[in-house]
Amino acid sequence: MKKDGFSWWIKRIEHCAKLYDVVRIDHFRAFSAYYSIPYGDENAVREERKKCCGKELFDTLKEKLGSLNIIAEDLGTIDDDVRKLLNYVGFPGMKVLQFAFDTESESCYLPHNIGKNCVVYTGTHDNTTIKEWYKNLNLDDKIMCVNYINNKYTKNSHKFFLL
């Protein structure tokens, strides 16, 4: 795609920008590095991570299309190279509240830990609905969630909250 000046990406983002106010790019991490599996292999045993030309792509898109209203889906395994690319392009990243309330660890998804330039979702297409998520939380996480948002917890309050 780089050889032809990223024409597919230019057409794709240009078209999406006509349809939507904001375009979200899933799997943003692949613009830093992606997995490659040799054609014909029946499994990923010979996979290798290859560097991608994300800076060049997004510079070209900006040059051809102007200011881009893009959200980068930066969930999953994110390394320093992905963070640097996200900072370079200036797109907001994503935070998901369903990942926040876990008594096992201090989550970067808790609202007080979320930095600037992020879009916060209750969940994504990969998650259950917020109602179903809350219904299935273990009791300790439910108590943490209720206490976090300053509701006074009582024995039965978790039965009514967010239902």
C-alpha atoms as a PDB file:
ATOM      1  CA  MET A   1       0.000   0.000   0.000  1.00  0.00           C
ATOM      2  CA  LYS A   2       2.913   2.310   0.651  1.00  0.00           C
ATOM      3  CA  LYS A   3       4.180   1.779  -2.915  1.00  0.00           C
ATOM      4  CA  ASP A   4       1.054   3.372  -4.412  1.00  0.00           C
ATOM      5  CA  GLY A   5       0.917   6.241  -1.927  1.00  0.00           C
ATOM      6  CA  PHE A   6      -1.654   4.577   0.352  1.00  0.00           C
ATOM      7  CA  SER A   7      -4.409   5.160  -2.210  1.00  0.00           C
ATOM      8  CA  TRP A   8      -6.691   2.498  -0.673  1.00  0.00           C
ATOM      9  CA  TRP A   9      -6.473   4.139   2.750  1.00  0.00           C
ATOM     10  CA  ILE A  10      -7.034   7.600   1.313  1.00  0.00           C
ATOM     11  CA  LYS A  11     -10.194   6.451  -0.480  1.00  0.00           C
ATOM     12  CA  ARG A  12     -11.386   4.516   2.566  1.00  0.00           C
ATOM     13  CA  ILE A  13     -10.941   7.354   5.094  1.00  0.00           C
ATOM     14  CA  GLU A  14     -12.299   9.940   2.637  1.00  0.00           C
ATOM     15  CA  HIS A  15     -15.439   7.855   2.120  1.00  0.00           C
ATOM     16  CA  CYS A  16     -15.886   7.178   5.848  1.00  0.00           C
ATOM     17  CA  ALA A  17     -15.505  10.897   6.599  1.00  0.00           C
ATOM     18  CA  LYS A  18     -18.482  11.567   4.305  1.00  0.00           C
ATOM     19  CA  LEU A  19     -20.617   9.075   6.223  1.00  0.00           C
ATOM     20  CA  TYR A  20     -19.547   9.716   9.828  1.00  0.00           C
ATOM     21  CA  ASP A  21     -18.618  12.661  12.026  1.00  0.00           C
ATOM     22  CA  VAL A  22     -15.836  10.605  13.630  1.00  0.00           C
ATOM     23  CA  VAL A  23     -14.060   7.522  12.285  1.00  0.00           C
ATOM     24  CA  ARG A  24     -12.772   4.927  14.731  1.00  0.00           C
ATOM     25  CA  ILE A  25      -9.864   2.808  13.587  1.00  0.00           C
ATOM     26  CA  ASP A  26      -9.853  -0.603  15.250  1.00  0.00           C
ATOM     27  CA  HIS A  27      -6.592  -2.373  16.059  1.00  0.00           C
ATOM     28  CA  PHE A  28      -4.582   0.837  15.901  1.00  0.00           C
ATOM     29  CA  ARG A  29      -1.595  -1.051  17.310  1.00  0.00           C
ATOM     30  CA  ALA A  30      -1.121  -2.679  13.891  1.00  0.00           C
ATOM     31  CA  PHE A  31      -0.024   0.681  12.470  1.00  0.00           C
ATOM     32  CA  SER A  32       3.042   0.389  14.682  1.00  0.00           C
ATOM     33  CA  ALA A  33       3.695  -3.337  14.213  1.00  0.00           C
ATOM     34  CA  TYR A  34       1.606  -6.279  13.073  1.00  0.00           C
ATOM     35  CA  TYR A  35       1.800 -10.042  13.049  1.00  0.00           C
ATOM     36  CA  SER A  36       2.708 -11.746   9.816  1.00  0.00           C
ATOM     37  CA  ILE A  37       2.061 -15.427   9.182  1.00  0.00           C
ATOM     38  CA  PRO A  38       3.491 -16.987   6.014  1.00  0.00           C
ATOM     39  CA  TYR A  39       0.878 -17.667   3.347  1.00  0.00           C
ATOM     40  CA  GLY A  40      -0.224 -21.281   3.371  1.00  0.00           C
ATOM     41  CA  ASP A  41       0.736 -21.988   6.990  1.00  0.00           C
ATOM     42  CA  GLU A  42      -2.067 -23.752   8.825  1.00  0.00           C
ATOM     43  CA  ASN A  43      -1.158 -22.206  12.167  1.00  0.00           C
ATOM     44  CA  ALA A  44       0.729 -19.236  13.584  1.00  0.00           C
ATOM     45  CA  VAL A  45       3.851 -21.120  14.707  1.00  0.00           C
ATOM     46  CA  ARG A  46       6.049 -19.136  12.291  1.00  0.00           C
ATOM     47  CA  GLU A  47       4.450 -15.764  13.061  1.00  0.00           C
ATOM     48  CA  GLU A  48       6.635 -12.719  13.321  1.00  0.00           C
ATOM     49  CA  ARG A  49       5.944  -9.140  14.285  1.00  0.00           C
ATOM     50  CA  LYS A  50       6.792  -6.668  11.535  1.00  0.00           C
ATOM     51  CA  LYS A  51       7.151  -2.917  11.822  1.00  0.00           C
ATOM     52  CA  CYS A  52       4.558  -0.832  10.031  1.00  0.00           C
ATOM     53  CA  CYS A  53       4.795   2.588   8.405  1.00  0.00           C
ATOM     54  CA  GLY A  54       2.043   4.217  10.476  1.00  0.00           C
ATOM     55  CA  LYS A  55       3.665   7.656  10.646  1.00  0.00           C
ATOM     56  CA  GLU A  56       4.004   7.789   6.875  1.00  0.00           C
ATOM     57  CA  LEU A  57       0.433   6.601   6.375  1.00  0.00           C
ATOM     58  CA  PHE A  58      -1.104   9.155   8.734  1.00  0.00           C
ATOM     59  CA  ASP A  59       1.128  11.952   7.401  1.00  0.00           C
ATOM     60  CA  THR A  60      -0.067  11.096   3.881  1.00  0.00           C
ATOM     61  CA  LEU A  61      -3.711  10.990   4.981  1.00  0.00           C
ATOM     62  CA  LYS A  62      -3.384  14.391   6.645  1.00  0.00           C
ATOM     63  CA  GLU A  63      -1.623  15.826   3.583  1.00  0.00           C
ATOM     64  CA  LYS A  64      -4.308  14.523   1.207  1.00  0.00           C
ATOM     65  CA  LEU A  65      -7.426  14.918   3.384  1.00  0.00           C
ATOM     66  CA  GLY A  66      -6.568  17.628   5.885  1.00  0.00           C
ATOM     67  CA  SER A  67      -7.507  17.420   9.537  1.00  0.00           C
ATOM     68  CA  LEU A  68      -8.678  13.940  10.491  1.00  0.00           C
ATOM     69  CA  ASN A  69     -11.432  13.303  13.031  1.00  0.00           C
ATOM     70  CA  ILE A  70     -10.277   9.836  14.108  1.00  0.00           C
ATOM     71  CA  ILE A  71     -10.438   7.826  17.315  1.00  0.00           C
ATOM     72  CA  ALA A  72      -7.759   5.164  17.709  1.00  0.00           C
ATOM     73  CA  GLU A  73      -8.824   1.886  19.289  1.00  0.00           C
ATOM     74  CA  ASP A  74      -5.749   1.372  21.430  1.00  0.00           C
ATOM     75  CA  LEU A  75      -6.955  -1.515  23.577  1.00  0.00           C
ATOM     76  CA  GLY A  76      -5.142  -4.775  24.189  1.00  0.00           C
ATOM     77  CA  THR A  77      -1.384  -5.197  24.314  1.00  0.00           C
ATOM     78  CA  ILE A  78      -0.026  -1.698  23.813  1.00  0.00           C
ATOM     79  CA  ASP A  79       3.703  -1.041  23.869  1.00  0.00           C
ATOM     80  CA  ASP A  80       5.771   2.155  23.850  1.00  0.00           C
ATOM     81  CA  ASP A  81       5.934   2.237  20.041  1.00  0.00           C
ATOM     82  CA  VAL A  82       2.126   2.282  19.830  1.00  0.00           C
ATOM     83  CA  ARG A  83       1.940   5.010  22.496  1.00  0.00           C
ATOM     84  CA  LYS A  84       4.516   7.070  20.589  1.00  0.00           C
ATOM     85  CA  LEU A  85       2.557   6.702  17.340  1.00  0.00           C
ATOM     86  CA  LEU A  86      -0.698   7.664  19.050  1.00  0.00           C
ATOM     87  CA  ASN A  87       0.981  10.709  20.543  1.00  0.00           C
ATOM     88  CA  TYR A  88       2.524  11.582  17.164  1.00  0.00           C
ATOM     89  CA  VAL A  89      -0.796  11.490  15.287  1.00  0.00           C
ATOM     90  CA  GLY A  90      -2.707  13.138  18.153  1.00  0.00           C
ATOM     91  CA  PHE A  91      -5.810  10.966  17.858  1.00  0.00           C
ATOM     92  CA  PRO A  92      -7.725  10.261  21.052  1.00  0.00           C
ATOM     93  CA  GLY A  93      -7.409   6.721  22.355  1.00  0.00           C
ATOM     94  CA  MET A  94     -10.086   4.630  24.057  1.00  0.00           C
ATOM     95  CA  LYS A  95     -10.894   3.689  27.628  1.00  0.00           C
ATOM     96  CA  VAL A  96     -13.578   1.184  28.603  1.00  0.00           C
ATOM     97  CA  LEU A  97     -15.393   1.462  31.940  1.00  0.00           C
ATOM     98  CA  GLN A  98     -16.175  -2.253  31.999  1.00  0.00           C
ATOM     99  CA  PHE A  99     -12.433  -2.830  32.450  1.00  0.00           C
ATOM    100  CA  ALA A 100     -12.204  -0.423  35.389  1.00  0.00           C
ATOM    101  CA  PHE A 101     -13.888  -2.092  38.325  1.00  0.00           C
ATOM    102  CA  ASP A 102     -11.673  -4.958  39.353  1.00  0.00           C
ATOM    103  CA  THR A 103     -10.702  -5.402  42.982  1.00  0.00           C
ATOM    104  CA  GLU A 104      -7.650  -7.416  41.920  1.00  0.00           C
ATOM    105  CA  SER A 105      -5.678  -4.412  40.671  1.00  0.00           C
ATOM    106  CA  GLU A 106      -5.627  -0.628  40.293  1.00  0.00           C
ATOM    107  CA  SER A 107      -7.002  -0.173  36.794  1.00  0.00           C
ATOM    108  CA  CYS A 108      -5.873   2.470  34.321  1.00  0.00           C
ATOM    109  CA  TYR A 109      -9.528   2.480  33.216  1.00  0.00           C
ATOM    110  CA  LEU A 110     -10.831   3.914  36.498  1.00  0.00           C
ATOM    111  CA  PRO A 111     -12.033   7.429  35.686  1.00  0.00           C
ATOM    112  CA  HIS A 112      -9.528   9.128  38.022  1.00  0.00           C
ATOM    113  CA  ASN A 113      -6.674   7.362  36.178  1.00  0.00           C
ATOM    114  CA  ILE A 114      -7.776   8.363  32.684  1.00  0.00           C
ATOM    115  CA  GLY A 115      -5.588  11.011  31.092  1.00  0.00           C
ATOM    116  CA  LYS A 116      -6.430  13.585  28.485  1.00  0.00           C
ATOM    117  CA  ASN A 117      -7.249  12.888  24.860  1.00  0.00           C
ATOM    118  CA  CYS A 118      -9.327   9.752  25.444  1.00  0.00           C
ATOM    119  CA  VAL A 119     -12.840   8.735  24.554  1.00  0.00           C
ATOM    120  CA  VAL A 120     -14.508   6.728  27.313  1.00  0.00           C
ATOM    121  CA  TYR A 121     -16.978   3.977  26.450  1.00  0.00           C
ATOM    122  CA  THR A 122     -19.060   1.852  28.788  1.00  0.00           C
ATOM    123  CA  GLY A 123     -18.113  -1.116  26.574  1.00  0.00           C
ATOM    124  CA  THR A 124     -17.357  -2.037  22.977  1.00  0.00           C
ATOM    125  CA  HIS A 125     -18.717  -4.468  20.414  1.00  0.00           C
ATOM    126  CA  ASP A 126     -16.569  -7.100  22.149  1.00  0.00           C
ATOM    127  CA  ASN A 127     -18.312  -6.622  25.521  1.00  0.00           C
ATOM    128  CA  THR A 128     -21.721  -7.477  26.895  1.00  0.00           C
ATOM    129  CA  THR A 129     -24.202  -4.690  27.534  1.00  0.00           C
ATOM    130  CA  ILE A 130     -23.538  -2.558  30.620  1.00  0.00           C
ATOM    131  CA  LYS A 131     -26.618  -4.063  32.280  1.00  0.00           C
ATOM    132  CA  GLU A 132     -25.423  -7.624  31.683  1.00  0.00           C
ATOM    133  CA  TRP A 133     -21.865  -6.731  32.726  1.00  0.00           C
ATOM    134  CA  TYR A 134     -23.059  -5.290  36.024  1.00  0.00           C
ATOM    135  CA  LYS A 135     -25.388  -8.202  36.640  1.00  0.00           C
ATOM    136  CA  ASN A 136     -22.460 -10.638  36.285  1.00  0.00           C
ATOM    137  CA  LEU A 137     -19.894  -8.746  38.369  1.00  0.00           C
ATOM    138  CA  ASN A 138     -18.752 -10.583  41.460  1.00  0.00           C
ATOM    139  CA  LEU A 139     -19.984  -8.998  44.662  1.00  0.00           C
ATOM    140  CA  ASP A 140     -16.633  -7.418  45.636  1.00  0.00           C
ATOM    141  CA  ASP A 141     -16.336  -5.708  42.236  1.00  0.00           C
ATOM    142  CA  LYS A 142     -19.973  -4.619  42.445  1.00  0.00           C
ATOM    143  CA  ILE A 143     -19.355  -3.049  45.855  1.00  0.00           C
ATOM    144  CA  MET A 144     -16.245  -1.322  44.496  1.00  0.00           C
ATOM    145  CA  CYS A 145     -18.232   0.043  41.542  1.00  0.00           C
ATOM    146  CA  VAL A 146     -21.089   1.328  43.694  1.00  0.00           C
ATOM    147  CA  ASN A 147     -18.717   2.877  46.237  1.00  0.00           C
ATOM    148  CA  TYR A 148     -16.635   4.454  43.488  1.00  0.00           C
ATOM    149  CA  ILE A 149     -19.546   6.427  42.151  1.00  0.00           C
ATOM    150  CA  ASN A 150     -20.415   7.565  45.679  1.00  0.00           C
ATOM    151  CA  ASN A 151     -23.542   5.525  46.199  1.00  0.00           C
ATOM    152  CA  LYS A 152     -23.937   4.316  49.714  1.00  0.00           C
ATOM    153  CA  TYR A 153     -23.771   0.543  49.613  1.00  0.00           C
ATOM    154  CA  THR A 154     -26.377  -1.435  51.472  1.00  0.00           C
ATOM    155  CA  LYS A 155     -27.058  -5.132  51.498  1.00  0.00           C
ATOM    156  CA  ASN A 156     -29.491  -4.931  48.575  1.00  0.00           C
ATOM    157  CA  SER A 157     -28.439  -1.790  46.688  1.00  0.00           C
ATOM    158  CA  HIS A 158     -26.472  -3.783  44.110  1.00  0.00           C
ATOM    159  CA  LYS A 159     -29.768  -5.357  43.035  1.00  0.00           C
ATOM    160  CA  PHE A 160     -31.135  -2.015  41.901  1.00  0.00           C
ATOM    161  CA  PHE A 161     -28.109  -0.118  40.703  1.00  0.00           C
ATOM    162  CA  LEU A 162     -27.831   0.055  36.887  1.00  0.00           C
ATOM    163  CA  LEU A 163     -30.666  -2.402  36.388  1.00  0.00           C
END
